[in-house]
């Protein structure tokens, strides 16, 4: 019902503004619609970029269509537009895991001059967005990797160090949580993260399993590897955080829920994406000037793992103005806009040169210090399992969620998950692949 309401409102919004744009100019003015995110400052900065474009292209009106925060809900909305071959949305902001599944609905940017700018972006993302027949179906917009946010003031107050392992995080979170509650803050917790049953939990849980030597769910060579002792062990450990160092309600949290609790001063540690950095430093918030970021803790593998995230821009092949839409998408993904979004919103650029830009590094210092985290992030198995990745991910996050909520034990949930993945993909099982 919620998704259908979003679609109805979206169509009314788009048709209304499209009509106004064309009517006001007697058919001479072009109207384009961008379906973008609204997490944190996303919508605000997309509107700013659209205004920059319209100043230089006065014959074009660009409307920004707000979409659901949760990735799964957003994909559902997109599919309703795309499967209906609707021309109402021209440019789609798409998750890094979607190009393979949505490629048939998008234009090839190489038909519109992208070969002139593709080399400026991280090659891995260009490859991710390129089909097996060489079509570039999405322009990289910003990249992401999971980070550990920590309160520097509280670690200093209690003479504790930034945790390097999951065990250390547990111990430090428990200790400082107890101290802060003794001091009067009964709402204080040690660690908040993304525990709701959605794509965000796939990201968090992949970081747990990979850092513990438990692999990537499905290996790049199409072997189902999740049913192993290391993966089961760390998922069981994470379930132990619920109701102890993390609130019971963490099993219903997305990125914005975790950020809200963190910024209110009610958590010591938070797992989130880089976008939360600029927001957490806004004047007047308890976190402003009192936190920093680091790589996520390690498990038995001895290596930290950060799930590769990020969003791209695809142009619908059903657009009434594909050439103009491609031009808009490449402007939004260009150096000027990416720099603006990095400085004002801490959105990681996909253009390599911006990581040496003095203004960018002054605004977001960890873009330099944690550069390796972003360039070595762990990919979800979207390529190995395409075009069934979304079913694979849902099976995974539902299984993990059942452990977090106590509906199932880790061993049983993962054994059933393995069977479900075999039925869905037809793949055989194998051992985890770790570097």
Protein backbone atom coordinates (compact mmCIF):
# COMPACT_ATOMS: atom_id res chain seq x y z
CA UNK A 1 0.00 0.00 0.00
CA UNK A 2 2.84 2.41 0.94
CA UNK A 3 4.66 1.73 -2.35
CA UNK A 4 1.48 2.27 -4.40
CA UNK A 5 0.85 5.56 -2.57
CA UNK A 6 4.39 6.69 -3.36
CA UNK A 7 3.82 5.85 -7.04
CA UNK A 8 0.49 7.70 -7.22
CA UNK A 9 1.91 10.80 -5.51
CA UNK A 10 5.03 10.63 -7.65
CA UNK A 11 3.04 10.44 -10.87
CA UNK A 12 0.81 13.34 -9.83
CA UNK A 13 3.89 15.39 -8.90
CA UNK A 14 5.76 14.64 -12.09
CA UNK A 15 2.83 15.05 -14.46
CA UNK A 16 1.82 18.34 -12.80
CA UNK A 17 5.25 19.91 -13.03
CA UNK A 18 5.96 18.47 -16.47
CA UNK A 19 2.73 20.00 -17.70
CA UNK A 20 3.55 23.37 -16.19
CA UNK A 21 7.01 23.37 -17.71
CA UNK A 22 5.75 22.66 -21.22
CA UNK A 23 2.67 24.89 -20.96
CA UNK A 24 4.65 27.93 -19.80
CA UNK A 25 6.94 27.78 -22.83
CA UNK A 26 4.47 26.66 -25.46
CA UNK A 27 6.36 23.43 -26.02
CA UNK A 28 9.82 25.04 -26.23
CA UNK A 29 10.95 24.25 -22.73
CA UNK A 30 12.18 20.78 -21.74
CA UNK A 31 11.25 19.29 -18.38
CA UNK A 32 13.37 16.55 -16.83
CA UNK A 33 12.76 14.65 -13.61
CA UNK A 34 15.43 13.12 -11.39
CA UNK A 35 14.39 10.40 -8.94
CA UNK A 36 16.84 10.93 -6.10
CA UNK A 37 17.40 10.00 -2.49
CA UNK A 38 16.43 12.00 0.58
CA UNK A 39 18.72 10.43 3.19
CA UNK A 40 20.48 13.14 5.17
CA UNK A 41 21.32 16.05 2.84
CA UNK A 42 20.77 14.09 -0.39
CA UNK A 43 17.64 15.87 -1.57
CA UNK A 44 18.91 19.31 -0.60
CA UNK A 45 22.17 18.86 -2.51
CA UNK A 46 20.48 17.29 -5.53
CA UNK A 47 18.15 20.29 -5.75
CA UNK A 48 21.18 22.59 -5.52
CA UNK A 49 22.90 20.70 -8.35
CA UNK A 50 19.69 20.87 -10.43
CA UNK A 51 19.61 24.64 -9.92
CA UNK A 52 23.25 24.85 -11.06
CA UNK A 53 22.31 22.99 -14.22
CA UNK A 54 19.24 25.13 -14.92
CA UNK A 55 21.26 28.34 -14.58
CA UNK A 56 23.43 27.14 -17.47
CA UNK A 57 20.56 25.61 -19.44
CA UNK A 58 17.62 28.03 -19.15
CA UNK A 59 15.54 26.01 -21.58
CA UNK A 60 15.51 23.06 -19.15
CA UNK A 61 13.47 22.64 -15.99
CA UNK A 62 14.75 19.96 -13.61
CA UNK A 63 12.47 18.57 -10.92
CA UNK A 64 13.75 16.35 -8.11
CA UNK A 65 11.44 13.55 -7.12
CA UNK A 66 11.86 12.35 -3.53
CA UNK A 67 11.95 8.58 -3.09
CA UNK A 68 11.79 6.22 -0.08
CA UNK A 69 14.84 6.05 2.21
CA UNK A 70 15.08 2.26 2.38
CA UNK A 71 16.76 0.83 -0.70
CA UNK A 72 14.28 -2.03 -1.10
CA UNK A 73 11.31 0.33 -1.06
CA UNK A 74 13.03 2.61 -3.56
CA UNK A 75 13.70 -0.27 -5.93
CA UNK A 76 10.06 -1.30 -5.74
CA UNK A 77 8.99 2.20 -6.75
CA UNK A 78 11.48 2.31 -9.61
CA UNK A 79 10.30 -1.02 -10.96
CA UNK A 80 6.72 0.24 -11.11
CA UNK A 81 7.87 3.12 -13.34
CA UNK A 82 10.29 1.09 -15.44
CA UNK A 83 8.17 -2.00 -16.00
CA UNK A 84 5.34 0.28 -17.11
CA UNK A 85 7.85 1.90 -19.54
CA UNK A 86 6.86 5.25 -18.06
CA UNK A 87 8.53 8.38 -19.49
CA UNK A 88 7.71 10.39 -16.36
CA UNK A 89 11.12 9.89 -14.73
CA UNK A 90 14.19 10.62 -16.83
CA UNK A 91 17.13 10.09 -14.47
CA UNK A 92 17.24 7.49 -11.69
CA UNK A 93 19.61 7.42 -8.74
CA UNK A 94 20.43 3.70 -8.51
CA UNK A 95 22.27 1.61 -5.95
CA UNK A 96 25.67 0.17 -6.87
CA UNK A 97 24.11 -3.32 -6.81
CA UNK A 98 21.33 -2.55 -9.32
CA UNK A 99 22.99 -1.89 -12.73
CA UNK A 100 22.97 -5.56 -13.70
CA UNK A 101 19.32 -6.06 -12.79
CA UNK A 102 18.06 -2.79 -14.33
CA UNK A 103 20.34 -2.55 -17.38
CA UNK A 104 17.60 -3.35 -19.89
CA UNK A 105 15.75 -0.16 -18.91
CA UNK A 106 18.65 2.29 -19.33
CA UNK A 107 20.46 4.00 -22.17
CA UNK A 108 24.14 3.42 -22.97
CA UNK A 109 26.08 6.52 -21.89
CA UNK A 110 28.74 5.72 -24.46
CA UNK A 111 26.18 6.75 -27.07
CA UNK A 112 26.21 10.23 -25.51
CA UNK A 113 29.93 10.94 -25.07
CA UNK A 114 30.75 9.23 -21.77
CA UNK A 115 34.01 7.86 -23.18
CA UNK A 116 35.43 11.38 -22.67
CA UNK A 117 34.91 11.27 -18.89
CA UNK A 118 34.78 7.60 -17.88
CA UNK A 119 38.52 7.42 -17.15
CA UNK A 120 38.20 10.12 -14.48
CA UNK A 121 36.16 7.76 -12.27
CA UNK A 122 37.25 4.75 -10.25
CA UNK A 123 37.66 1.99 -12.79
CA UNK A 124 36.00 -0.61 -10.56
CA UNK A 125 32.78 1.39 -10.51
CA UNK A 126 32.81 1.92 -14.27
CA UNK A 127 33.24 -1.84 -14.67
CA UNK A 128 30.42 -2.45 -12.18
CA UNK A 129 28.12 -0.25 -14.26
CA UNK A 130 29.08 -1.82 -17.60
CA UNK A 131 27.16 -4.75 -19.04
CA UNK A 132 28.80 -7.83 -20.54
CA UNK A 133 28.20 -6.40 -24.01
CA UNK A 134 30.00 -3.15 -23.12
CA UNK A 135 27.09 -0.81 -22.40
CA UNK A 136 27.71 1.81 -19.68
CA UNK A 137 24.24 1.95 -18.12
CA UNK A 138 24.99 4.23 -15.17
CA UNK A 139 27.35 7.10 -14.39
CA UNK A 140 29.12 6.90 -11.00
CA UNK A 141 27.84 9.60 -8.63
CA UNK A 142 29.21 8.84 -5.18
CA UNK A 143 30.79 5.84 -3.56
CA UNK A 144 30.45 4.55 -0.02
CA UNK A 145 31.92 2.17 2.52
CA UNK A 146 30.84 1.36 6.05
CA UNK A 147 32.69 3.20 8.83
CA UNK A 148 32.84 3.13 12.62
CA UNK A 149 31.85 6.44 14.19
CA UNK A 150 33.06 6.95 17.75
CA UNK A 151 32.73 9.60 20.43
CA UNK A 152 36.22 10.97 21.04
CA UNK A 153 35.15 12.88 24.15
CA UNK A 154 33.75 9.79 25.87
CA UNK A 155 36.70 7.57 25.00
CA UNK A 156 38.99 10.23 26.44
CA UNK A 157 36.78 10.70 29.51
CA UNK A 158 36.96 7.01 30.38
CA UNK A 159 40.55 6.48 29.17
CA UNK A 160 39.60 4.00 26.43
CA UNK A 161 41.02 3.40 22.97
CA UNK A 162 39.27 3.07 19.61
CA UNK A 163 38.40 -0.65 19.37
CA UNK A 164 40.24 -2.69 16.78
CA UNK A 165 38.27 -5.93 17.21
CA UNK A 166 34.60 -6.76 17.67
CA UNK A 167 35.39 -8.12 21.15
CA UNK A 168 37.04 -4.83 22.10
CA UNK A 169 34.05 -2.90 20.77
CA UNK A 170 31.72 -4.99 22.93
CA UNK A 171 33.79 -4.53 26.06
CA UNK A 172 34.29 -0.77 25.60
CA UNK A 173 30.66 -0.21 24.64
CA UNK A 174 29.42 -2.11 27.69
CA UNK A 175 31.76 -0.31 30.09
CA UNK A 176 31.03 3.25 28.92
CA UNK A 177 27.31 2.55 28.54
CA UNK A 178 27.15 1.51 32.21
CA UNK A 179 29.13 4.58 33.29
CA UNK A 180 26.97 6.99 31.31
CA UNK A 181 23.81 5.46 32.70
CA UNK A 182 25.18 5.72 36.22
CA UNK A 183 25.79 9.39 35.44
CA UNK A 184 22.09 9.83 34.60
CA UNK A 185 21.60 9.13 30.88
CA UNK A 186 19.33 6.09 30.94
CA UNK A 187 18.84 6.34 27.16
CA UNK A 188 22.52 5.79 26.42
CA UNK A 189 23.70 2.73 24.47
CA UNK A 190 27.06 1.45 23.35
CA UNK A 191 26.48 0.73 19.66
CA UNK A 192 23.87 1.53 17.02
CA UNK A 193 23.77 0.11 13.48
CA UNK A 194 21.40 -1.02 10.72
CA UNK A 195 19.44 -4.05 11.97
CA UNK A 196 16.12 -3.79 10.15
CA UNK A 197 15.25 -6.47 7.59
CA UNK A 198 16.42 -4.65 4.44
CA UNK A 199 19.48 -4.14 2.26
CA UNK A 200 21.24 -2.20 5.01
CA UNK A 201 21.38 -5.33 7.14
CA UNK A 202 22.97 -7.22 4.26
CA UNK A 203 25.70 -4.55 4.26
CA UNK A 204 26.28 -4.73 8.02
CA UNK A 205 26.18 -8.52 8.18
CA UNK A 206 28.54 -8.89 5.22
CA UNK A 207 31.03 -6.75 7.13
CA UNK A 208 30.70 -9.07 10.14
CA UNK A 209 31.13 -12.29 8.19
CA UNK A 210 33.92 -11.12 5.91
CA UNK A 211 35.92 -9.60 8.77
CA UNK A 212 35.61 -12.90 10.62
CA UNK A 213 36.81 -15.05 7.73
CA UNK A 214 33.29 -16.12 6.77
CA UNK A 215 33.29 -14.98 3.15
CA UNK A 216 30.88 -13.02 0.93
CA UNK A 217 27.68 -15.14 1.07
CA UNK A 218 28.26 -16.25 -2.53
CA UNK A 219 31.79 -16.25 -3.91
CA UNK A 220 32.79 -14.56 -7.19
CA UNK A 221 33.02 -18.01 -8.80
CA UNK A 222 29.35 -18.66 -7.93
CA UNK A 223 29.74 -20.96 -4.93
CA UNK A 224 27.42 -20.58 -1.94
CA UNK A 225 29.80 -20.13 0.99
CA UNK A 226 27.73 -18.67 3.83
CA UNK A 227 27.24 -21.91 5.78
CA UNK A 228 30.54 -21.98 7.65
CA UNK A 229 31.59 -21.78 11.29
CA UNK A 230 33.13 -18.30 11.05
CA UNK A 231 29.98 -16.74 9.59
CA UNK A 232 27.71 -18.47 12.08
CA UNK A 233 29.95 -17.45 14.97
CA UNK A 234 29.94 -13.74 14.18
CA UNK A 235 26.21 -13.59 13.42
CA UNK A 236 25.60 -15.25 16.79
CA UNK A 237 27.87 -12.67 18.41
CA UNK A 238 25.99 -9.78 16.75
CA UNK A 239 22.69 -11.18 18.03
CA UNK A 240 24.17 -10.87 21.51
CA UNK A 241 24.45 -7.10 21.06
CA UNK A 242 20.67 -6.72 20.76
CA UNK A 243 19.22 -5.66 24.09
CA UNK A 244 22.68 -5.29 25.66
CA UNK A 245 25.07 -2.77 24.08
CA UNK A 246 22.47 -2.01 21.39
CA UNK A 247 18.79 -1.22 21.99
CA UNK A 248 16.25 -3.95 21.33
CA UNK A 249 14.83 -1.62 18.69
CA UNK A 250 18.04 -1.84 16.65
CA UNK A 251 16.33 -4.68 14.75
CA UNK A 252 14.09 -2.00 13.25
CA UNK A 253 16.77 0.60 12.56
CA UNK A 254 17.92 1.95 9.22
CA UNK A 255 20.68 4.47 8.60
CA UNK A 256 18.64 7.50 9.60
CA UNK A 257 17.34 5.85 12.79
CA UNK A 258 20.89 5.08 13.91
CA UNK A 259 22.05 8.58 12.98
CA UNK A 260 19.25 10.23 14.94
CA UNK A 261 20.09 8.31 18.10
CA UNK A 262 23.81 8.95 17.65
CA UNK A 263 23.42 12.69 17.03
CA UNK A 264 21.18 13.00 20.10
CA UNK A 265 24.20 11.94 22.14
CA UNK A 266 22.77 8.58 23.05
CA UNK A 267 25.36 6.20 21.59
CA UNK A 268 29.10 5.70 21.88
CA UNK A 269 29.65 3.90 18.58
CA UNK A 270 27.73 3.90 15.30
CA UNK A 271 28.16 2.03 12.04
CA UNK A 272 27.12 4.23 9.14
CA UNK A 273 28.12 5.62 5.76
CA UNK A 274 30.27 8.74 5.22
CA UNK A 275 27.24 11.01 4.69
CA UNK A 276 26.68 11.07 8.48
CA UNK A 277 30.00 12.88 9.04
CA UNK A 278 28.95 16.37 7.91
CA UNK A 279 25.55 16.04 9.57
CA UNK A 280 27.05 14.96 12.88
CA UNK A 281 29.24 18.07 12.96
CA UNK A 282 26.41 20.54 12.51
CA UNK A 283 26.40 23.24 15.15
CA UNK A 284 24.32 22.57 18.24
CA UNK A 285 24.39 18.77 18.06
CA UNK A 286 25.98 16.88 20.99
CA UNK A 287 28.22 15.08 18.51
CA UNK A 288 29.59 18.25 16.87
CA UNK A 289 33.36 18.30 17.31
CA UNK A 290 33.18 15.26 19.58
CA UNK A 291 33.62 12.33 17.21
CA UNK A 292 35.81 10.79 14.58
CA UNK A 293 35.69 7.79 12.25
CA UNK A 294 37.83 4.69 11.79
CA UNK A 295 37.72 1.38 9.93
CA UNK A 296 35.24 -1.11 11.33
CA UNK A 297 36.60 -3.69 13.81
CA UNK A 298 38.21 -6.92 12.72
CA UNK A 299 37.24 -10.48 13.55
CA UNK A 300 39.19 -13.71 13.22
CA UNK A 301 40.36 -12.84 9.69
CA UNK A 302 42.51 -10.09 11.15
CA UNK A 303 41.18 -7.65 8.55
CA UNK A 304 38.53 -4.97 8.71
CA UNK A 305 35.74 -5.21 6.15
CA UNK A 306 33.68 -2.33 4.79
CA UNK A 307 30.84 -3.10 2.42
CA UNK A 308 31.08 -1.26 -0.88
CA UNK A 309 28.15 1.08 -1.28
CA UNK A 310 27.40 4.05 -3.44
CA UNK A 311 24.89 5.34 -5.94
CA UNK A 312 24.91 5.97 -9.67
CA UNK A 313 22.77 7.77 -12.22
CA UNK A 314 20.94 5.90 -14.96
CA UNK A 315 18.83 7.42 -17.74
CA UNK A 316 15.59 5.72 -18.65
CA UNK A 317 15.36 4.57 -22.24
CA UNK A 318 11.66 5.49 -22.00
CA UNK A 319 12.52 9.17 -21.45
CA UNK A 320 11.05 11.59 -23.98
CA UNK A 321 14.39 13.42 -23.96
CA UNK A 322 17.18 10.85 -23.62
CA UNK A 323 19.93 13.09 -25.03
CA UNK A 324 19.10 15.96 -22.66
CA UNK A 325 18.70 13.53 -19.75
CA UNK A 326 22.11 12.02 -20.47
CA UNK A 327 23.64 15.49 -20.53
CA UNK A 328 22.03 16.26 -17.16
CA UNK A 329 23.20 12.97 -15.62
CA UNK A 330 26.79 13.54 -16.76
CA UNK A 331 26.72 17.06 -15.33
CA UNK A 332 25.45 15.76 -11.97
CA UNK A 333 28.19 13.10 -12.02
CA UNK A 334 30.83 15.61 -13.08
CA UNK A 335 33.69 17.10 -11.09
CA UNK A 336 32.00 20.36 -10.10
CA UNK A 337 28.92 18.75 -8.58
CA UNK A 338 30.85 15.90 -6.98
CA UNK A 339 33.16 18.41 -5.30
CA UNK A 340 30.22 20.44 -4.01
CA UNK A 341 28.57 17.31 -2.60
CA UNK A 342 31.84 16.19 -0.99
CA UNK A 343 32.51 19.53 0.71
CA UNK A 344 28.94 20.22 1.83
CA UNK A 345 27.65 16.70 2.46
CA UNK A 346 30.68 14.40 2.87
CA UNK A 347 29.59 12.31 -0.10
CA UNK A 348 32.56 10.32 -1.39
CA UNK A 349 33.49 11.32 -4.95
CA UNK A 350 33.97 8.71 -7.62
CA UNK A 351 36.37 11.02 -9.47
CA UNK A 352 39.88 10.11 -8.39
CA UNK A 353 41.43 13.58 -8.58
CA UNK A 354 39.06 14.96 -5.94
CA UNK A 355 40.83 12.89 -3.28
CA UNK A 356 43.82 15.22 -3.74
CA UNK A 357 41.70 18.38 -3.72
CA UNK A 358 42.68 20.65 -0.80
CA UNK A 359 39.16 22.00 -0.22
CA UNK A 360 37.69 18.51 -0.18
CA UNK A 361 40.31 17.19 2.26
CA UNK A 362 39.89 20.23 4.52
CA UNK A 363 36.15 19.62 4.72
CA UNK A 364 36.41 15.83 5.09
CA UNK A 365 39.88 14.84 6.33
CA UNK A 366 39.14 11.12 6.46
CA UNK A 367 38.77 11.04 2.67
CA UNK A 368 42.56 11.09 2.71
CA UNK A 369 43.34 9.09 5.85
CA UNK A 370 40.84 6.31 5.08
CA UNK A 371 41.30 6.30 1.30
CA UNK A 372 42.27 2.61 1.35
CA UNK A 373 38.99 1.72 3.07
CA UNK A 374 37.05 3.09 0.10
CA UNK A 375 39.28 1.63 -2.60
CA UNK A 376 39.36 -1.85 -1.01
CA UNK A 377 35.75 -2.16 0.11
CA UNK A 378 34.06 -5.57 -0.05
CA UNK A 379 31.50 -5.98 -2.82
CA UNK A 380 28.16 -7.64 -2.29
CA UNK A 381 27.65 -10.67 -4.58
CA UNK A 382 25.49 -8.73 -7.04
CA UNK A 383 27.57 -9.67 -10.09
CA UNK A 384 27.89 -13.35 -9.23
CA UNK A 385 24.17 -13.71 -8.58
CA UNK A 386 22.73 -11.35 -11.25
CA UNK A 387 19.91 -11.05 -12.15
CA UNK A 388 18.80 -12.68 -8.88
CA UNK A 389 20.81 -10.59 -6.45
CA UNK A 390 17.79 -8.96 -4.81
CA UNK A 391 16.27 -12.36 -4.00
CA UNK A 392 19.64 -13.55 -2.68
CA UNK A 393 20.06 -10.47 -0.51
CA UNK A 394 16.53 -10.73 0.87
CA UNK A 395 17.05 -14.37 1.80
CA UNK A 396 20.28 -13.37 3.57
CA UNK A 397 18.99 -10.39 5.52
CA UNK A 398 15.80 -12.20 6.53
CA UNK A 399 17.85 -15.13 7.84
CA UNK A 400 20.17 -12.84 9.80
CA UNK A 401 17.23 -10.80 11.08
CA UNK A 402 15.59 -13.96 12.41
CA UNK A 403 18.72 -14.57 14.48
CA UNK A 404 18.88 -10.99 15.74
CA UNK A 405 15.26 -11.10 16.90
CA UNK A 406 15.63 -14.52 18.53
CA UNK A 407 13.21 -16.23 16.17
CA UNK A 408 15.93 -18.68 15.13
CA UNK A 409 19.39 -19.73 16.25
CA UNK A 410 22.32 -18.90 13.99
CA UNK A 411 23.16 -22.48 13.02
CA UNK A 412 19.62 -23.35 11.94
CA UNK A 413 19.01 -20.06 10.15
CA UNK A 414 22.20 -20.34 8.08
CA UNK A 415 21.59 -23.98 7.22
CA UNK A 416 18.14 -23.12 5.88
CA UNK A 417 19.59 -20.07 4.11
CA UNK A 418 22.06 -22.28 2.27
CA UNK A 419 19.24 -24.51 1.01
CA UNK A 420 17.18 -21.50 -0.06
CA UNK A 421 20.14 -20.01 -1.93
CA UNK A 422 20.75 -23.29 -3.73
CA UNK A 423 17.10 -23.36 -4.83
CA UNK A 424 17.18 -19.73 -5.95
CA UNK A 425 20.50 -19.70 -7.80
CA UNK A 426 21.15 -23.31 -8.71
CA UNK A 427 24.73 -22.83 -7.47
CA UNK A 428 26.74 -25.43 -5.59
CA UNK A 429 28.25 -24.89 -2.16
CA UNK A 430 31.91 -24.15 -1.48
CA UNK A 431 34.41 -22.72 0.98
CA UNK A 432 34.69 -18.98 1.71
CA UNK A 433 37.12 -17.04 -0.45
CA UNK A 434 39.19 -14.55 1.53
CA UNK A 435 42.20 -12.49 0.38
